[in-house]
Amino acid sequence: MSEDEQRLASMRAQARDLTGQLQRMTGALADLQERIADITVTAVSRDGHVRATVGHDGQPRDLWLDSRIYHSADSAKLARTILDTIAVAAKEARDQVKEVCKPYVGGDDLDQYASGDFAQAMERFRQRLPLREE
């Protein structure tokens, strides 16, 4: 086998290895995104009158109000209670997303994943990939 043929065979083997690595990374990313999408958190207000469920992105998915809320005419207090309860659930959801991502994603990117900004996080990841031309 000539030197050129050996070099070509080596390059092909390296390309196969890189393709395999990329496929594993793509599979891991799909699994990661699925695990993140499955995150939901429910929080209950201190008085027990409000229950809010949010998704991984902190957006409300469900809201339950106890009938006892109608015994008070303080709508501003109810609004604060609802917003506070959603905020507690959203923070817990972000923390869960960070925990799921921690093995795969560096510190700064954790906040982007936790906020649901996968595109920005992936772009940062791509920029850090070592690209070599030989």
N, C-alpha and C. Protein backbone atom coordinates (compact mmCIF):
# COMPACT_ATOMS: atom_id res chain seq x y z
N MET A 1 0.85 -1.17 0.00
CA MET A 1 0.00 0.00 0.00
C MET A 1 0.90 1.24 0.00
N SER A 2 0.62 2.17 -0.89
CA SER A 2 1.46 3.37 -1.01
C SER A 2 1.19 4.32 0.17
N GLU A 3 2.06 5.27 0.30
CA GLU A 3 1.92 6.26 1.37
C GLU A 3 0.62 7.05 1.22
N ASP A 4 0.26 7.41 -0.01
CA ASP A 4 -1.00 8.13 -0.25
C ASP A 4 -2.21 7.27 0.12
N GLU A 5 -2.14 5.99 -0.21
CA GLU A 5 -3.24 5.09 0.12
C GLU A 5 -3.36 4.91 1.64
N GLN A 6 -2.24 4.85 2.31
CA GLN A 6 -2.25 4.73 3.77
C GLN A 6 -2.85 5.99 4.40
N ARG A 7 -2.45 7.15 3.88
CA ARG A 7 -2.98 8.41 4.39
C ARG A 7 -4.49 8.49 4.14
N LEU A 8 -4.92 8.08 2.96
CA LEU A 8 -6.35 8.08 2.64
C LEU A 8 -7.12 7.11 3.55
N ALA A 9 -6.58 5.94 3.78
CA ALA A 9 -7.22 4.97 4.68
C ALA A 9 -7.30 5.53 6.09
N SER A 10 -6.26 6.20 6.54
CA SER A 10 -6.24 6.81 7.86
C SER A 10 -7.30 7.92 7.96
N MET A 11 -7.41 8.72 6.93
CA MET A 11 -8.41 9.80 6.91
C MET A 11 -9.82 9.23 6.92
N ARG A 12 -10.04 8.15 6.19
CA ARG A 12 -11.36 7.52 6.18
C ARG A 12 -11.70 6.97 7.56
N ALA A 13 -10.74 6.35 8.21
CA ALA A 13 -10.97 5.81 9.57
C ALA A 13 -11.28 6.95 10.53
N GLN A 14 -10.55 8.04 10.40
CA GLN A 14 -10.80 9.19 11.25
C GLN A 14 -12.19 9.78 10.98
N ALA A 15 -12.58 9.83 9.72
CA ALA A 15 -13.91 10.32 9.37
C ALA A 15 -14.99 9.43 9.96
N ARG A 16 -14.79 8.10 9.92
CA ARG A 16 -15.76 7.17 10.53
C ARG A 16 -15.87 7.41 12.04
N ASP A 17 -14.71 7.60 12.68
CA ASP A 17 -14.70 7.87 14.13
C ASP A 17 -15.46 9.16 14.45
N LEU A 18 -15.18 10.20 13.68
CA LEU A 18 -15.85 11.48 13.91
C LEU A 18 -17.35 11.37 13.66
N THR A 19 -17.73 10.63 12.64
CA THR A 19 -19.15 10.43 12.35
C THR A 19 -19.83 9.71 13.51
N GLY A 20 -19.16 8.69 14.05
CA GLY A 20 -19.70 7.97 15.20
C GLY A 20 -19.84 8.87 16.41
N GLN A 21 -18.83 9.71 16.65
CA GLN A 21 -18.91 10.65 17.77
C GLN A 21 -20.07 11.62 17.59
N LEU A 22 -20.22 12.13 16.39
CA LEU A 22 -21.31 13.06 16.10
C LEU A 22 -22.67 12.40 16.30
N GLN A 23 -22.81 11.17 15.85
CA GLN A 23 -24.07 10.45 16.03
C GLN A 23 -24.38 10.24 17.51
N ARG A 24 -23.36 9.89 18.30
CA ARG A 24 -23.58 9.72 19.74
C ARG A 24 -23.96 11.03 20.39
N MET A 25 -23.29 12.11 19.99
CA MET A 25 -23.62 13.42 20.56
C MET A 25 -25.02 13.86 20.17
N THR A 26 -25.41 13.60 18.93
CA THR A 26 -26.74 13.96 18.47
C THR A 26 -27.79 13.18 19.24
N GLY A 27 -27.55 11.90 19.47
CA GLY A 27 -28.47 11.08 20.26
C GLY A 27 -28.57 11.56 21.69
N ALA A 28 -27.42 11.92 22.27
CA ALA A 28 -27.42 12.43 23.65
C ALA A 28 -28.16 13.75 23.73
N LEU A 29 -28.00 14.60 22.72
CA LEU A 29 -28.70 15.88 22.71
C LEU A 29 -30.21 15.67 22.61
N ALA A 30 -30.62 14.76 21.76
CA ALA A 30 -32.06 14.47 21.62
C ALA A 30 -32.61 13.95 22.94
N ASP A 31 -31.87 13.07 23.61
CA ASP A 31 -32.29 12.55 24.91
C ASP A 31 -32.37 13.68 25.94
N LEU A 32 -31.38 14.55 25.93
CA LEU A 32 -31.35 15.67 26.86
C LEU A 32 -32.55 16.58 26.65
N GLN A 33 -32.83 16.92 25.40
CA GLN A 33 -33.96 17.79 25.12
C GLN A 33 -35.28 17.13 25.51
N GLU A 34 -35.38 15.83 25.35
CA GLU A 34 -36.60 15.11 25.74
C GLU A 34 -36.76 15.14 27.26
N ARG A 35 -35.66 14.91 27.97
CA ARG A 35 -35.72 14.94 29.44
C ARG A 35 -36.11 16.32 29.94
N ILE A 36 -35.59 17.35 29.29
CA ILE A 36 -35.93 18.72 29.67
C ILE A 36 -37.40 18.99 29.40
N ALA A 37 -37.88 18.58 28.23
CA ALA A 37 -39.28 18.82 27.85
C ALA A 37 -40.24 18.14 28.81
N ASP A 38 -39.81 17.05 29.45
CA ASP A 38 -40.68 16.32 30.38
C ASP A 38 -40.78 16.97 31.76
N ILE A 39 -39.98 17.99 32.02
CA ILE A 39 -39.99 18.62 33.34
C ILE A 39 -41.24 19.46 33.52
N THR A 40 -41.96 19.18 34.60
CA THR A 40 -43.06 20.04 35.05
C THR A 40 -42.94 20.15 36.57
N VAL A 41 -43.31 21.30 37.08
CA VAL A 41 -43.24 21.55 38.52
C VAL A 41 -44.55 22.18 38.96
N THR A 42 -45.05 21.70 40.09
CA THR A 42 -46.25 22.28 40.69
C THR A 42 -45.88 22.89 42.04
N ALA A 43 -46.32 24.12 42.25
CA ALA A 43 -46.10 24.81 43.53
C ALA A 43 -47.46 25.18 44.11
N VAL A 44 -47.52 25.19 45.43
CA VAL A 44 -48.75 25.55 46.14
C VAL A 44 -48.45 26.79 46.97
N SER A 45 -49.37 27.74 46.93
CA SER A 45 -49.19 28.97 47.70
C SER A 45 -49.18 28.67 49.20
N ARG A 46 -48.63 29.60 49.97
CA ARG A 46 -48.54 29.41 51.42
C ARG A 46 -49.90 29.16 52.06
N ASP A 47 -50.91 29.83 51.55
CA ASP A 47 -52.24 29.66 52.15
C ASP A 47 -52.98 28.45 51.58
N GLY A 48 -52.38 27.79 50.59
CA GLY A 48 -52.99 26.60 50.01
C GLY A 48 -54.13 26.87 49.05
N HIS A 49 -54.36 28.12 48.73
CA HIS A 49 -55.49 28.48 47.86
C HIS A 49 -55.15 28.47 46.38
N VAL A 50 -53.87 28.44 46.06
CA VAL A 50 -53.43 28.50 44.66
C VAL A 50 -52.44 27.37 44.41
N ARG A 51 -52.64 26.68 43.28
CA ARG A 51 -51.69 25.65 42.85
C ARG A 51 -51.38 25.93 41.38
N ALA A 52 -50.10 26.12 41.10
CA ALA A 52 -49.67 26.44 39.73
C ALA A 52 -48.68 25.39 39.24
N THR A 53 -48.88 24.94 38.01
CA THR A 53 -47.96 23.99 37.39
C THR A 53 -47.34 24.68 36.18
N VAL A 54 -46.00 24.58 36.09
CA VAL A 54 -45.28 25.17 34.97
C VAL A 54 -44.48 24.09 34.27
N GLY A 55 -44.12 24.36 33.03
CA GLY A 55 -43.26 23.47 32.26
C GLY A 55 -41.81 23.82 32.47
N HIS A 56 -40.95 23.14 31.72
CA HIS A 56 -39.51 23.35 31.83
C HIS A 56 -39.10 24.79 31.56
N ASP A 57 -39.91 25.47 30.77
CA ASP A 57 -39.62 26.84 30.38
C ASP A 57 -40.19 27.87 31.35
N GLY A 58 -40.81 27.40 32.44
CA GLY A 58 -41.39 28.30 33.43
C GLY A 58 -42.76 28.83 33.06
N GLN A 59 -43.26 28.44 31.90
CA GLN A 59 -44.56 28.91 31.46
C GLN A 59 -45.67 28.09 32.13
N PRO A 60 -46.73 28.77 32.59
CA PRO A 60 -47.83 28.07 33.26
C PRO A 60 -48.48 27.03 32.35
N ARG A 61 -48.73 25.86 32.90
CA ARG A 61 -49.42 24.78 32.20
C ARG A 61 -50.79 24.53 32.82
N ASP A 62 -50.90 24.81 34.12
CA ASP A 62 -52.16 24.58 34.81
C ASP A 62 -52.23 25.52 36.01
N LEU A 63 -53.43 25.93 36.34
CA LEU A 63 -53.65 26.80 37.50
C LEU A 63 -54.93 26.35 38.18
N TRP A 64 -54.84 26.11 39.48
CA TRP A 64 -55.99 25.70 40.27
C TRP A 64 -56.20 26.71 41.37
N LEU A 65 -57.44 27.16 41.53
CA LEU A 65 -57.79 28.11 42.57
C LEU A 65 -58.84 27.49 43.48
N ASP A 66 -58.55 27.48 44.77
CA ASP A 66 -59.48 26.95 45.76
C ASP A 66 -60.69 27.88 45.84
N SER A 67 -61.86 27.32 46.05
CA SER A 67 -63.08 28.14 46.12
C SER A 67 -63.05 29.13 47.27
N ARG A 68 -62.18 28.93 48.25
CA ARG A 68 -62.08 29.87 49.37
C ARG A 68 -61.58 31.24 48.94
N ILE A 69 -60.99 31.34 47.75
CA ILE A 69 -60.50 32.65 47.30
C ILE A 69 -61.65 33.63 47.11
N TYR A 70 -62.83 33.12 46.91
CA TYR A 70 -63.99 33.98 46.65
C TYR A 70 -64.54 34.60 47.93
N HIS A 71 -64.00 34.22 49.09
CA HIS A 71 -64.44 34.77 50.37
C HIS A 71 -63.76 36.10 50.65
N SER A 72 -62.78 36.47 49.85
CA SER A 72 -62.06 37.72 50.03
C SER A 72 -62.20 38.55 48.77
N ALA A 73 -62.38 39.83 48.96
CA ALA A 73 -62.52 40.74 47.81
C ALA A 73 -61.19 41.37 47.41
N ASP A 74 -60.09 40.89 47.97
CA ASP A 74 -58.77 41.47 47.71
C ASP A 74 -58.17 40.83 46.46
N SER A 75 -58.58 41.34 45.30
CA SER A 75 -58.10 40.76 44.04
C SER A 75 -56.61 41.02 43.83
N ALA A 76 -56.10 42.12 44.34
CA ALA A 76 -54.67 42.41 44.19
C ALA A 76 -53.84 41.38 44.96
N LYS A 77 -54.30 41.01 46.14
CA LYS A 77 -53.59 39.99 46.93
C LYS A 77 -53.64 38.65 46.20
N LEU A 78 -54.78 38.31 45.64
CA LEU A 78 -54.91 37.06 44.89
C LEU A 78 -53.96 37.06 43.69
N ALA A 79 -53.92 38.16 42.98
CA ALA A 79 -53.02 38.26 41.81
C ALA A 79 -51.57 38.06 42.24
N ARG A 80 -51.15 38.71 43.35
CA ARG A 80 -49.77 38.54 43.85
C ARG A 80 -49.52 37.09 44.23
N THR A 81 -50.50 36.48 44.88
CA THR A 81 -50.35 35.08 45.30
C THR A 81 -50.18 34.17 44.08
N ILE A 82 -50.98 34.40 43.06
CA ILE A 82 -50.86 33.60 41.83
C ILE A 82 -49.49 33.79 41.20
N LEU A 83 -49.07 35.04 41.04
CA LEU A 83 -47.77 35.32 40.42
C LEU A 83 -46.62 34.76 41.26
N ASP A 84 -46.69 34.91 42.57
CA ASP A 84 -45.64 34.38 43.44
C ASP A 84 -45.56 32.85 43.34
N THR A 85 -46.71 32.20 43.29
CA THR A 85 -46.74 30.74 43.20
C THR A 85 -46.16 30.27 41.87
N ILE A 86 -46.50 30.95 40.80
CA ILE A 86 -45.93 30.63 39.49
C ILE A 86 -44.42 30.84 39.51
N ALA A 87 -43.96 31.91 40.14
CA ALA A 87 -42.52 32.20 40.20
C ALA A 87 -41.77 31.11 40.97
N VAL A 88 -42.35 30.61 42.05
CA VAL A 88 -41.72 29.54 42.82
C VAL A 88 -41.60 28.29 41.94
N ALA A 89 -42.67 27.94 41.24
CA ALA A 89 -42.65 26.76 40.37
C ALA A 89 -41.64 26.95 39.23
N ALA A 90 -41.60 28.15 38.65
CA ALA A 90 -40.69 28.42 37.54
C ALA A 90 -39.24 28.31 37.98
N LYS A 91 -38.92 28.82 39.18
CA LYS A 91 -37.55 28.70 39.68
C LYS A 91 -37.18 27.24 39.88
N GLU A 92 -38.07 26.46 40.44
CA GLU A 92 -37.79 25.03 40.64
C GLU A 92 -37.61 24.33 39.29
N ALA A 93 -38.41 24.70 38.29
CA ALA A 93 -38.27 24.11 36.96
C ALA A 93 -36.90 24.45 36.37
N ARG A 94 -36.46 25.71 36.50
CA ARG A 94 -35.13 26.10 36.00
C ARG A 94 -34.04 25.31 36.73
N ASP A 95 -34.19 25.14 38.03
CA ASP A 95 -33.20 24.37 38.79
C ASP A 95 -33.15 22.92 38.31
N GLN A 96 -34.31 22.34 38.02
CA GLN A 96 -34.34 20.96 37.52
C GLN A 96 -33.69 20.85 36.14
N VAL A 97 -33.95 21.83 35.28
CA VAL A 97 -33.31 21.83 33.95
C VAL A 97 -31.80 21.92 34.11
N LYS A 98 -31.33 22.78 35.00
CA LYS A 98 -29.89 22.90 35.23
C LYS A 98 -29.31 21.58 35.70
N GLU A 99 -30.01 20.90 36.59
CA GLU A 99 -29.52 19.63 37.11
C GLU A 99 -29.42 18.58 36.00
N VAL A 100 -30.43 18.54 35.13
CA VAL A 100 -30.42 17.59 34.01
C VAL A 100 -29.28 17.91 33.05
N CYS A 101 -29.01 19.18 32.83
CA CYS A 101 -28.01 19.61 31.86
C CYS A 101 -26.58 19.61 32.41
N LYS A 102 -26.44 19.64 33.71
CA LYS A 102 -25.12 19.80 34.32
C LYS A 102 -24.06 18.84 33.77
N PRO A 103 -24.37 17.56 33.55
CA PRO A 103 -23.32 16.67 33.04
C PRO A 103 -22.86 16.99 31.62
N TYR A 104 -23.67 17.75 30.88
CA TYR A 104 -23.40 17.99 29.46
C TYR A 104 -23.00 19.41 29.13
N VAL A 105 -23.34 20.36 29.99
CA VAL A 105 -23.26 21.77 29.62
C VAL A 105 -22.46 22.53 30.67
N GLY A 106 -21.62 23.45 30.20
CA GLY A 106 -20.83 24.28 31.10
C GLY A 106 -21.67 25.33 31.81
N GLY A 107 -21.07 25.99 32.79
CA GLY A 107 -21.74 26.94 33.67
C GLY A 107 -22.59 28.00 32.99
N ASP A 108 -22.00 28.76 32.08
CA ASP A 108 -22.75 29.85 31.44
C ASP A 108 -23.91 29.33 30.61
N ASP A 109 -23.72 28.19 29.97
CA ASP A 109 -24.76 27.64 29.12
C ASP A 109 -25.92 27.08 29.92
N LEU A 110 -25.69 26.73 31.19
CA LEU A 110 -26.77 26.19 32.01
C LEU A 110 -27.95 27.15 32.09
N ASP A 111 -27.65 28.43 32.25
CA ASP A 111 -28.73 29.42 32.33
C ASP A 111 -29.50 29.50 31.02
N GLN A 112 -28.81 29.37 29.89
CA GLN A 112 -29.50 29.41 28.61
C GLN A 112 -30.39 28.19 28.44
N TYR A 113 -29.90 27.02 28.81
CA TYR A 113 -30.75 25.83 28.74
C TYR A 113 -31.93 25.96 29.69
N ALA A 114 -31.66 26.47 30.89
CA ALA A 114 -32.73 26.59 31.88
C ALA A 114 -33.81 27.56 31.43
N SER A 115 -33.43 28.55 30.63
CA SER A 115 -34.42 29.49 30.14
C SER A 115 -35.08 29.01 28.85
N GLY A 116 -34.64 27.85 28.37
CA GLY A 116 -35.23 27.29 27.16
C GLY A 116 -34.59 27.78 25.87
N ASP A 117 -33.48 28.53 25.98
CA ASP A 117 -32.82 29.07 24.80
C ASP A 117 -31.82 28.05 24.25
N PHE A 118 -32.34 26.95 23.70
CA PHE A 118 -31.50 25.88 23.19
C PHE A 118 -30.68 26.34 21.98
N ALA A 119 -31.28 27.17 21.14
CA ALA A 119 -30.58 27.61 19.93
C ALA A 119 -29.32 28.38 20.29
N GLN A 120 -29.43 29.31 21.22
CA GLN A 120 -28.26 30.10 21.63
C GLN A 120 -27.22 29.22 22.30
N ALA A 121 -27.65 28.30 23.14
CA ALA A 121 -26.71 27.41 23.81
C ALA A 121 -25.99 26.51 22.80
N MET A 122 -26.71 26.00 21.83
CA MET A 122 -26.09 25.15 20.81
C MET A 122 -25.12 25.94 19.95
N GLU A 123 -25.45 27.17 19.65
CA GLU A 123 -24.54 28.01 18.86
C GLU A 123 -23.23 28.22 19.62
N ARG A 124 -23.33 28.47 20.91
CA ARG A 124 -22.11 28.62 21.73
C ARG A 124 -21.31 27.32 21.73
N PHE A 125 -22.01 26.19 21.80
CA PHE A 125 -21.35 24.89 21.78
C PHE A 125 -20.61 24.70 20.45
N ARG A 126 -21.26 25.01 19.33
CA ARG A 126 -20.64 24.86 18.02
C ARG A 126 -19.41 25.74 17.88
N GLN A 127 -19.47 26.95 18.43
CA GLN A 127 -18.33 27.86 18.34
C GLN A 127 -17.12 27.33 19.08
N ARG A 128 -17.35 26.51 20.11
CA ARG A 128 -16.24 25.97 20.89
C ARG A 128 -15.68 24.68 20.32
N LEU A 129 -16.37 24.09 19.34
CA LEU A 129 -15.86 22.84 18.77
C LEU A 129 -14.54 23.11 18.06
N PRO A 130 -13.56 22.28 18.31
CA PRO A 130 -12.27 22.48 17.63
C PRO A 130 -12.36 22.00 16.19
N LEU A 131 -12.20 22.91 15.28
CA LEU A 131 -12.19 22.57 13.86
C LEU A 131 -10.75 22.68 13.38
N ARG A 132 -10.27 21.57 12.85
CA ARG A 132 -8.88 21.57 12.40
C ARG A 132 -8.85 21.28 10.91
N GLU A 133 -8.01 22.01 10.25
CA GLU A 133 -7.75 21.72 8.84
C GLU A 133 -6.31 21.26 8.75
N GLU A 134 -6.11 20.15 8.08
CA GLU A 134 -4.74 19.63 7.95
C GLU A 134 -4.29 19.69 6.53
